[in-house]
Amino acid sequence: MAAEKYRSAELVFGWSFYRQGSSGGPSSADEFLDAALNRFGDPDLRLGTAWEKGERLAKLVAHRRTLLVLDGLEPLQNPPGSQEGRVREPSLQALLRELAAFNRGLCVITTRTPVADIADHERTSALRRDLDQLSSDAGAKLLRALGIKGDESELRSASEEFHGHCLALTLLGSYLTDAYHGDIRRREEVSARLAHDLRQGAHARKVMESYQT
């Protein structure tokens, strides 16, 4: 996209909540909010409640052709239950709702859980794309990117065995890298446990059982 001048975007800003969470503490919207407000030229980061800051950021983002990428939002979303998928942080709630209502640019969110706060806009301004099923080639590339070693045919076979499920392949790749130096041939150690579990909770539980063993 950089080679294409970001396809007419005037400003590009990306944030990974997973990377933030992996640095030691739980994921929070505060660090993102301060960094984003500063980047978009907010005059005083201390002004207003969390909700008001989110609304303020939305206006700064939306008034120009901005590409905003929010990666790995699910640590800030509610788990399965009556509030499943709702964003817990008021500032992010305000930001996403405002952008769903009006935005001259594009906001891309990656998450394994649909964002309930903008569900009313799914058929209009907030388009949802489910990316669970990867082709065997794409699944092989994902495993390779995670540090998995082996013949290309083996990697494609592994992708097919896991039905191209992104989370299952990510967990498999991480596990094999930690436990078996990335050897794809050792996938049978966990494949029988993971292949048929579709919800992320079941995936996580099964892979953690393998880690414990």
C-alpha atoms as a PDB file:
ATOM      1  CA  MET A   1       0.000   0.000   0.000  1.00  0.00           C
ATOM      2  CA  ALA A   2       2.902   2.365   0.679  1.00  0.00           C
ATOM      3  CA  ALA A   3       4.049   1.908  -2.929  1.00  0.00           C
ATOM      4  CA  GLU A   4       0.577   3.029  -3.999  1.00  0.00           C
ATOM      5  CA  LYS A   5       0.715   6.059  -1.670  1.00  0.00           C
ATOM      6  CA  TYR A   6      -1.707   4.305   0.675  1.00  0.00           C
ATOM      7  CA  ARG A   7      -4.451   4.539  -1.941  1.00  0.00           C
ATOM      8  CA  SER A   8      -5.205   8.223  -1.309  1.00  0.00           C
ATOM      9  CA  ALA A   9      -5.189   8.039   2.505  1.00  0.00           C
ATOM     10  CA  GLU A  10      -3.975  11.344   3.937  1.00  0.00           C
ATOM     11  CA  LEU A  11      -2.872   9.823   7.215  1.00  0.00           C
ATOM     12  CA  VAL A  12      -2.202   6.230   8.354  1.00  0.00           C
ATOM     13  CA  PHE A  13      -2.230   5.072  11.981  1.00  0.00           C
ATOM     14  CA  GLY A  14      -2.063   1.494  13.236  1.00  0.00           C
ATOM     15  CA  TRP A  15      -2.213  -0.014  16.729  1.00  0.00           C
ATOM     16  CA  SER A  16      -1.928  -3.598  17.965  1.00  0.00           C
ATOM     17  CA  PHE A  17      -3.646  -4.298  21.283  1.00  0.00           C
ATOM     18  CA  TYR A  18      -2.061  -7.763  21.312  1.00  0.00           C
ATOM     19  CA  ARG A  19       1.444  -6.347  21.144  1.00  0.00           C
ATOM     20  CA  GLN A  20       0.602  -3.907  23.908  1.00  0.00           C
ATOM     21  CA  GLY A  21      -0.727  -6.725  26.099  1.00  0.00           C
ATOM     22  CA  SER A  22       2.325  -8.905  25.500  1.00  0.00           C
ATOM     23  CA  SER A  23       4.632  -6.228  26.912  1.00  0.00           C
ATOM     24  CA  GLY A  24       3.747  -7.095  30.483  1.00  0.00           C
ATOM     25  CA  GLY A  25       0.372  -5.695  31.516  1.00  0.00           C
ATOM     26  CA  PRO A  26      -3.218  -6.183  30.441  1.00  0.00           C
ATOM     27  CA  SER A  27      -4.415  -4.498  27.274  1.00  0.00           C
ATOM     28  CA  SER A  28      -5.943  -1.082  27.845  1.00  0.00           C
ATOM     29  CA  ALA A  29      -7.302   1.669  25.636  1.00  0.00           C
ATOM     30  CA  ASP A  30      -5.452   4.384  27.582  1.00  0.00           C
ATOM     31  CA  GLU A  31      -2.078   4.021  25.881  1.00  0.00           C
ATOM     32  CA  PHE A  32      -3.697   3.827  22.457  1.00  0.00           C
ATOM     33  CA  LEU A  33      -5.904   6.844  23.158  1.00  0.00           C
ATOM     34  CA  ASP A  34      -3.008   9.044  24.281  1.00  0.00           C
ATOM     35  CA  ALA A  35      -0.832   8.015  21.316  1.00  0.00           C
ATOM     36  CA  ALA A  36      -3.657   8.510  18.805  1.00  0.00           C
ATOM     37  CA  LEU A  37      -4.814  11.860  20.167  1.00  0.00           C
ATOM     38  CA  ASN A  38      -1.230  13.085  20.109  1.00  0.00           C
ATOM     39  CA  ARG A  39      -0.709  11.824  16.546  1.00  0.00           C
ATOM     40  CA  PHE A  40      -3.889  13.477  15.304  1.00  0.00           C
ATOM     41  CA  GLY A  41      -3.027  16.822  16.878  1.00  0.00           C
ATOM     42  CA  ASP A  42      -5.292  17.021  19.926  1.00  0.00           C
ATOM     43  CA  PRO A  43      -4.413  20.201  21.864  1.00  0.00           C
ATOM     44  CA  ASP A  44      -4.704  18.767  25.402  1.00  0.00           C
ATOM     45  CA  LEU A  45      -4.775  15.016  26.170  1.00  0.00           C
ATOM     46  CA  ARG A  46      -5.934  15.650  29.737  1.00  0.00           C
ATOM     47  CA  LEU A  47      -9.279  17.223  28.854  1.00  0.00           C
ATOM     48  CA  GLY A  48     -12.547  15.327  29.173  1.00  0.00           C
ATOM     49  CA  THR A  49     -13.792  11.942  30.308  1.00  0.00           C
ATOM     50  CA  ALA A  50     -12.791   8.726  28.550  1.00  0.00           C
ATOM     51  CA  TRP A  51     -15.991   8.838  26.468  1.00  0.00           C
ATOM     52  CA  GLU A  52     -15.394  12.485  25.502  1.00  0.00           C
ATOM     53  CA  LYS A  53     -11.816  11.691  24.486  1.00  0.00           C
ATOM     54  CA  GLY A  54     -13.107   8.881  22.268  1.00  0.00           C
ATOM     55  CA  GLU A  55     -15.602  11.203  20.610  1.00  0.00           C
ATOM     56  CA  ARG A  56     -12.892  13.828  20.165  1.00  0.00           C
ATOM     57  CA  LEU A  57     -10.551  11.313  18.559  1.00  0.00           C
ATOM     58  CA  ALA A  58     -13.331  10.138  16.231  1.00  0.00           C
ATOM     59  CA  LYS A  59     -13.835  13.690  14.964  1.00  0.00           C
ATOM     60  CA  LEU A  60     -10.097  14.128  14.396  1.00  0.00           C
ATOM     61  CA  VAL A  61      -9.918  10.815  12.512  1.00  0.00           C
ATOM     62  CA  ALA A  62     -13.104  11.236  10.490  1.00  0.00           C
ATOM     63  CA  HIS A  63     -12.644  14.715   9.080  1.00  0.00           C
ATOM     64  CA  ARG A  64      -9.969  13.549   6.609  1.00  0.00           C
ATOM     65  CA  ARG A  65      -9.219  10.412   4.583  1.00  0.00           C
ATOM     66  CA  THR A  66      -7.550   8.443   7.351  1.00  0.00           C
ATOM     67  CA  LEU A  67      -6.611   4.757   7.386  1.00  0.00           C
ATOM     68  CA  LEU A  68      -6.950   3.617  11.007  1.00  0.00           C
ATOM     69  CA  VAL A  69      -5.979  -0.012  11.758  1.00  0.00           C
ATOM     70  CA  LEU A  70      -6.917  -1.532  15.134  1.00  0.00           C
ATOM     71  CA  ASP A  71      -5.374  -4.986  15.404  1.00  0.00           C
ATOM     72  CA  GLY A  72      -6.400  -7.651  17.921  1.00  0.00           C
ATOM     73  CA  LEU A  73      -9.301  -5.865  19.582  1.00  0.00           C
ATOM     74  CA  GLU A  74     -10.650  -8.926  21.416  1.00  0.00           C
ATOM     75  CA  PRO A  75      -8.634  -8.448  24.665  1.00  0.00           C
ATOM     76  CA  LEU A  76     -10.783  -5.330  25.163  1.00  0.00           C
ATOM     77  CA  GLN A  77     -14.078  -7.059  24.326  1.00  0.00           C
ATOM     78  CA  ASN A  78     -16.398  -8.922  26.679  1.00  0.00           C
ATOM     79  CA  PRO A  79     -16.157 -12.737  26.620  1.00  0.00           C
ATOM     80  CA  PRO A  80     -19.103 -15.023  25.719  1.00  0.00           C
ATOM     81  CA  GLY A  81     -22.247 -14.155  27.663  1.00  0.00           C
ATOM     82  CA  SER A  82     -24.963 -11.525  27.617  1.00  0.00           C
ATOM     83  CA  GLN A  83     -22.479  -8.763  26.730  1.00  0.00           C
ATOM     84  CA  GLU A  84     -20.376 -10.828  24.301  1.00  0.00           C
ATOM     85  CA  GLY A  85     -18.348  -8.750  21.876  1.00  0.00           C
ATOM     86  CA  ARG A  86     -19.036  -5.390  23.506  1.00  0.00           C
ATOM     87  CA  VAL A  87     -15.987  -3.161  23.987  1.00  0.00           C
ATOM     88  CA  ARG A  88     -15.286  -2.635  27.694  1.00  0.00           C
ATOM     89  CA  GLU A  89     -13.474   0.692  27.352  1.00  0.00           C
ATOM     90  CA  PRO A  90     -15.782   3.760  27.067  1.00  0.00           C
ATOM     91  CA  SER A  91     -13.254   5.675  24.965  1.00  0.00           C
ATOM     92  CA  LEU A  92     -13.126   2.911  22.349  1.00  0.00           C
ATOM     93  CA  GLN A  93     -16.900   2.486  22.447  1.00  0.00           C
ATOM     94  CA  ALA A  94     -17.308   6.166  21.615  1.00  0.00           C
ATOM     95  CA  LEU A  95     -14.622   6.081  18.919  1.00  0.00           C
ATOM     96  CA  LEU A  96     -16.079   3.081  17.085  1.00  0.00           C
ATOM     97  CA  ARG A  97     -19.696   4.217  17.294  1.00  0.00           C
ATOM     98  CA  GLU A  98     -18.821   7.671  15.996  1.00  0.00           C
ATOM     99  CA  LEU A  99     -16.741   6.289  13.129  1.00  0.00           C
ATOM    100  CA  ALA A 100     -19.503   3.842  12.197  1.00  0.00           C
ATOM    101  CA  ALA A 101     -21.894   6.791  11.974  1.00  0.00           C
ATOM    102  CA  PHE A 102     -19.555   9.038   9.963  1.00  0.00           C
ATOM    103  CA  ASN A 103     -16.067   8.555   8.567  1.00  0.00           C
ATOM    104  CA  ARG A 104     -14.457   9.977   5.433  1.00  0.00           C
ATOM    105  CA  GLY A 105     -11.675   7.399   5.676  1.00  0.00           C
ATOM    106  CA  LEU A 106     -11.436   3.722   6.597  1.00  0.00           C
ATOM    107  CA  CYS A 107     -11.116   1.978   9.973  1.00  0.00           C
ATOM    108  CA  VAL A 108     -10.009  -1.670   9.822  1.00  0.00           C
ATOM    109  CA  ILE A 109     -10.516  -3.809  12.931  1.00  0.00           C
ATOM    110  CA  THR A 110      -9.156  -7.331  13.333  1.00  0.00           C
ATOM    111  CA  THR A 111     -10.825  -9.436  16.015  1.00  0.00           C
ATOM    112  CA  ARG A 112     -12.037 -13.000  16.491  1.00  0.00           C
ATOM    113  CA  THR A 113     -15.244 -11.712  18.101  1.00  0.00           C
ATOM    114  CA  PRO A 114     -17.751  -9.505  16.213  1.00  0.00           C
ATOM    115  CA  VAL A 115     -17.907  -5.976  17.653  1.00  0.00           C
ATOM    116  CA  ALA A 116     -21.377  -5.782  19.186  1.00  0.00           C
ATOM    117  CA  ASP A 117     -21.183  -1.998  19.639  1.00  0.00           C
ATOM    118  CA  ILE A 118     -21.413  -1.406  15.872  1.00  0.00           C
ATOM    119  CA  ALA A 119     -23.653  -4.350  14.971  1.00  0.00           C
ATOM    120  CA  ASP A 120     -26.439  -1.964  13.851  1.00  0.00           C
ATOM    121  CA  HIS A 121     -24.139  -0.682  11.096  1.00  0.00           C
ATOM    122  CA  GLU A 122     -22.996  -4.071   9.749  1.00  0.00           C
ATOM    123  CA  ARG A 123     -25.118  -3.879   6.585  1.00  0.00           C
ATOM    124  CA  THR A 124     -24.157  -0.277   5.831  1.00  0.00           C
ATOM    125  CA  SER A 125     -21.021   1.496   7.034  1.00  0.00           C
ATOM    126  CA  ALA A 126     -19.432  -1.287   9.121  1.00  0.00           C
ATOM    127  CA  LEU A 127     -18.857  -4.190   6.764  1.00  0.00           C
ATOM    128  CA  ARG A 128     -17.848  -7.495   8.325  1.00  0.00           C
ATOM    129  CA  ARG A 129     -15.564 -10.010   6.632  1.00  0.00           C
ATOM    130  CA  ASP A 130     -15.149 -13.463   8.166  1.00  0.00           C
ATOM    131  CA  LEU A 131     -11.655 -14.808   7.475  1.00  0.00           C
ATOM    132  CA  ASP A 132     -11.720 -18.098   9.370  1.00  0.00           C
ATOM    133  CA  GLN A 133     -11.172 -20.387   6.410  1.00  0.00           C
ATOM    134  CA  LEU A 134      -7.801 -20.063   4.673  1.00  0.00           C
ATOM    135  CA  SER A 135      -6.797 -21.838   1.502  1.00  0.00           C
ATOM    136  CA  SER A 136      -4.158 -24.540   1.921  1.00  0.00           C
ATOM    137  CA  ASP A 137      -1.545 -22.222   0.380  1.00  0.00           C
ATOM    138  CA  ALA A 138      -2.470 -19.299   2.641  1.00  0.00           C
ATOM    139  CA  GLY A 139      -2.486 -21.603   5.678  1.00  0.00           C
ATOM    140  CA  ALA A 140       0.970 -22.860   4.744  1.00  0.00           C
ATOM    141  CA  LYS A 141       2.237 -19.276   4.493  1.00  0.00           C
ATOM    142  CA  LEU A 142       0.805 -18.498   7.923  1.00  0.00           C
ATOM    143  CA  LEU A 143       2.577 -21.503   9.454  1.00  0.00           C
ATOM    144  CA  ARG A 144       5.827 -20.541   7.722  1.00  0.00           C
ATOM    145  CA  ALA A 145       5.513 -16.991   9.087  1.00  0.00           C
ATOM    146  CA  LEU A 146       5.149 -18.454  12.594  1.00  0.00           C
ATOM    147  CA  GLY A 147       8.511 -20.188  12.237  1.00  0.00           C
ATOM    148  CA  ILE A 148       7.328 -23.662  11.227  1.00  0.00           C
ATOM    149  CA  LYS A 149       9.817 -25.796   9.304  1.00  0.00           C
ATOM    150  CA  GLY A 150       9.032 -28.556   6.821  1.00  0.00           C
ATOM    151  CA  ASP A 151       8.174 -29.392   3.238  1.00  0.00           C
ATOM    152  CA  GLU A 152       5.644 -27.149   1.544  1.00  0.00           C
ATOM    153  CA  SER A 153       3.381 -30.130   0.965  1.00  0.00           C
ATOM    154  CA  GLU A 154       3.437 -30.914   4.699  1.00  0.00           C
ATOM    155  CA  LEU A 155       2.469 -27.360   5.579  1.00  0.00           C
ATOM    156  CA  ARG A 156      -0.408 -27.391   3.092  1.00  0.00           C
ATOM    157  CA  SER A 157      -1.586 -30.726   4.474  1.00  0.00           C
ATOM    158  CA  ALA A 158      -1.538 -29.308   8.000  1.00  0.00           C
ATOM    159  CA  SER A 159      -3.661 -26.357   6.844  1.00  0.00           C
ATOM    160  CA  GLU A 160      -6.200 -28.730   5.327  1.00  0.00           C
ATOM    161  CA  GLU A 161      -6.279 -30.925   8.447  1.00  0.00           C
ATOM    162  CA  PHE A 162      -7.235 -27.873  10.490  1.00  0.00           C
ATOM    163  CA  HIS A 163      -9.826 -26.794   7.884  1.00  0.00           C
ATOM    164  CA  GLY A 164      -7.923 -23.565   7.234  1.00  0.00           C
ATOM    165  CA  HIS A 165      -9.022 -22.224  10.629  1.00  0.00           C
ATOM    166  CA  CYS A 166      -6.856 -19.172  11.390  1.00  0.00           C
ATOM    167  CA  LEU A 167      -6.832 -19.475  15.164  1.00  0.00           C
ATOM    168  CA  ALA A 168      -6.221 -23.226  15.119  1.00  0.00           C
ATOM    169  CA  LEU A 169      -3.252 -22.778  12.770  1.00  0.00           C
ATOM    170  CA  THR A 170      -1.874 -19.907  14.848  1.00  0.00           C
ATOM    171  CA  LEU A 171      -2.082 -21.980  18.025  1.00  0.00           C
ATOM    172  CA  LEU A 172      -0.590 -24.986  16.269  1.00  0.00           C
ATOM    173  CA  GLY A 173       2.296 -22.930  14.891  1.00  0.00           C
ATOM    174  CA  SER A 174       3.039 -21.334  18.265  1.00  0.00           C
ATOM    175  CA  TYR A 175       2.889 -24.673  20.054  1.00  0.00           C
ATOM    176  CA  LEU A 176       5.133 -26.497  17.584  1.00  0.00           C
ATOM    177  CA  THR A 177       7.648 -23.654  17.665  1.00  0.00           C
ATOM    178  CA  ASP A 178       7.840 -23.769  21.471  1.00  0.00           C
ATOM    179  CA  ALA A 179       7.657 -27.525  21.995  1.00  0.00           C
ATOM    180  CA  TYR A 180       9.232 -29.076  18.876  1.00  0.00           C
ATOM    181  CA  HIS A 181      11.487 -26.396  17.316  1.00  0.00           C
ATOM    182  CA  GLY A 182       8.879 -25.738  14.633  1.00  0.00           C
ATOM    183  CA  ASP A 183       8.855 -29.275  13.235  1.00  0.00           C
ATOM    184  CA  ILE A 184       5.589 -29.651  11.281  1.00  0.00           C
ATOM    185  CA  ARG A 185       5.888 -33.443  11.446  1.00  0.00           C
ATOM    186  CA  ARG A 186       5.094 -33.309  15.178  1.00  0.00           C
ATOM    187  CA  ARG A 187       1.665 -31.771  14.604  1.00  0.00           C
ATOM    188  CA  GLU A 188      -0.025 -35.075  15.349  1.00  0.00           C
ATOM    189  CA  GLU A 189       0.804 -34.425  19.008  1.00  0.00           C
ATOM    190  CA  VAL A 190      -1.957 -31.801  19.123  1.00  0.00           C
ATOM    191  CA  SER A 191      -3.949 -32.062  15.891  1.00  0.00           C
ATOM    192  CA  ALA A 192      -6.398 -34.647  17.187  1.00  0.00           C
ATOM    193  CA  ARG A 193      -7.271 -32.342  20.084  1.00  0.00           C
ATOM    194  CA  LEU A 194      -7.593 -29.132  18.082  1.00  0.00           C
ATOM    195  CA  ALA A 195      -8.986 -29.964  14.674  1.00  0.00           C
ATOM    196  CA  HIS A 196     -12.669 -30.158  15.547  1.00  0.00           C
ATOM    197  CA  ASP A 197     -12.982 -27.390  18.146  1.00  0.00           C
ATOM    198  CA  LEU A 198     -14.308 -24.226  16.545  1.00  0.00           C
ATOM    199  CA  ARG A 199     -14.791 -21.664  19.326  1.00  0.00           C
ATOM    200  CA  GLN A 200     -11.677 -19.866  20.527  1.00  0.00           C
ATOM    201  CA  GLY A 201     -12.280 -20.899  24.139  1.00  0.00           C
ATOM    202  CA  ALA A 202     -12.082 -24.574  23.245  1.00  0.00           C
ATOM    203  CA  HIS A 203      -8.999 -23.982  21.112  1.00  0.00           C
ATOM    204  CA  ALA A 204      -7.229 -22.148  23.900  1.00  0.00           C
ATOM    205  CA  ARG A 205      -8.125 -24.775  26.490  1.00  0.00           C
ATOM    206  CA  LYS A 206      -6.900 -27.641  24.342  1.00  0.00           C
ATOM    207  CA  VAL A 207      -3.630 -26.017  23.402  1.00  0.00           C
ATOM    208  CA  MET A 208      -2.980 -25.115  27.031  1.00  0.00           C
ATOM    209  CA  GLU A 209      -3.541 -28.762  27.970  1.00  0.00           C
ATOM    210  CA  SER A 210      -0.854 -29.664  25.438  1.00  0.00           C
ATOM    211  CA  TYR A 211       1.482 -27.036  26.886  1.00  0.00           C
ATOM    212  CA  GLN A 212       0.902 -28.399  30.378  1.00  0.00           C
ATOM    213  CA  THR A 213       1.630 -31.957  29.264  1.00  0.00           C
END
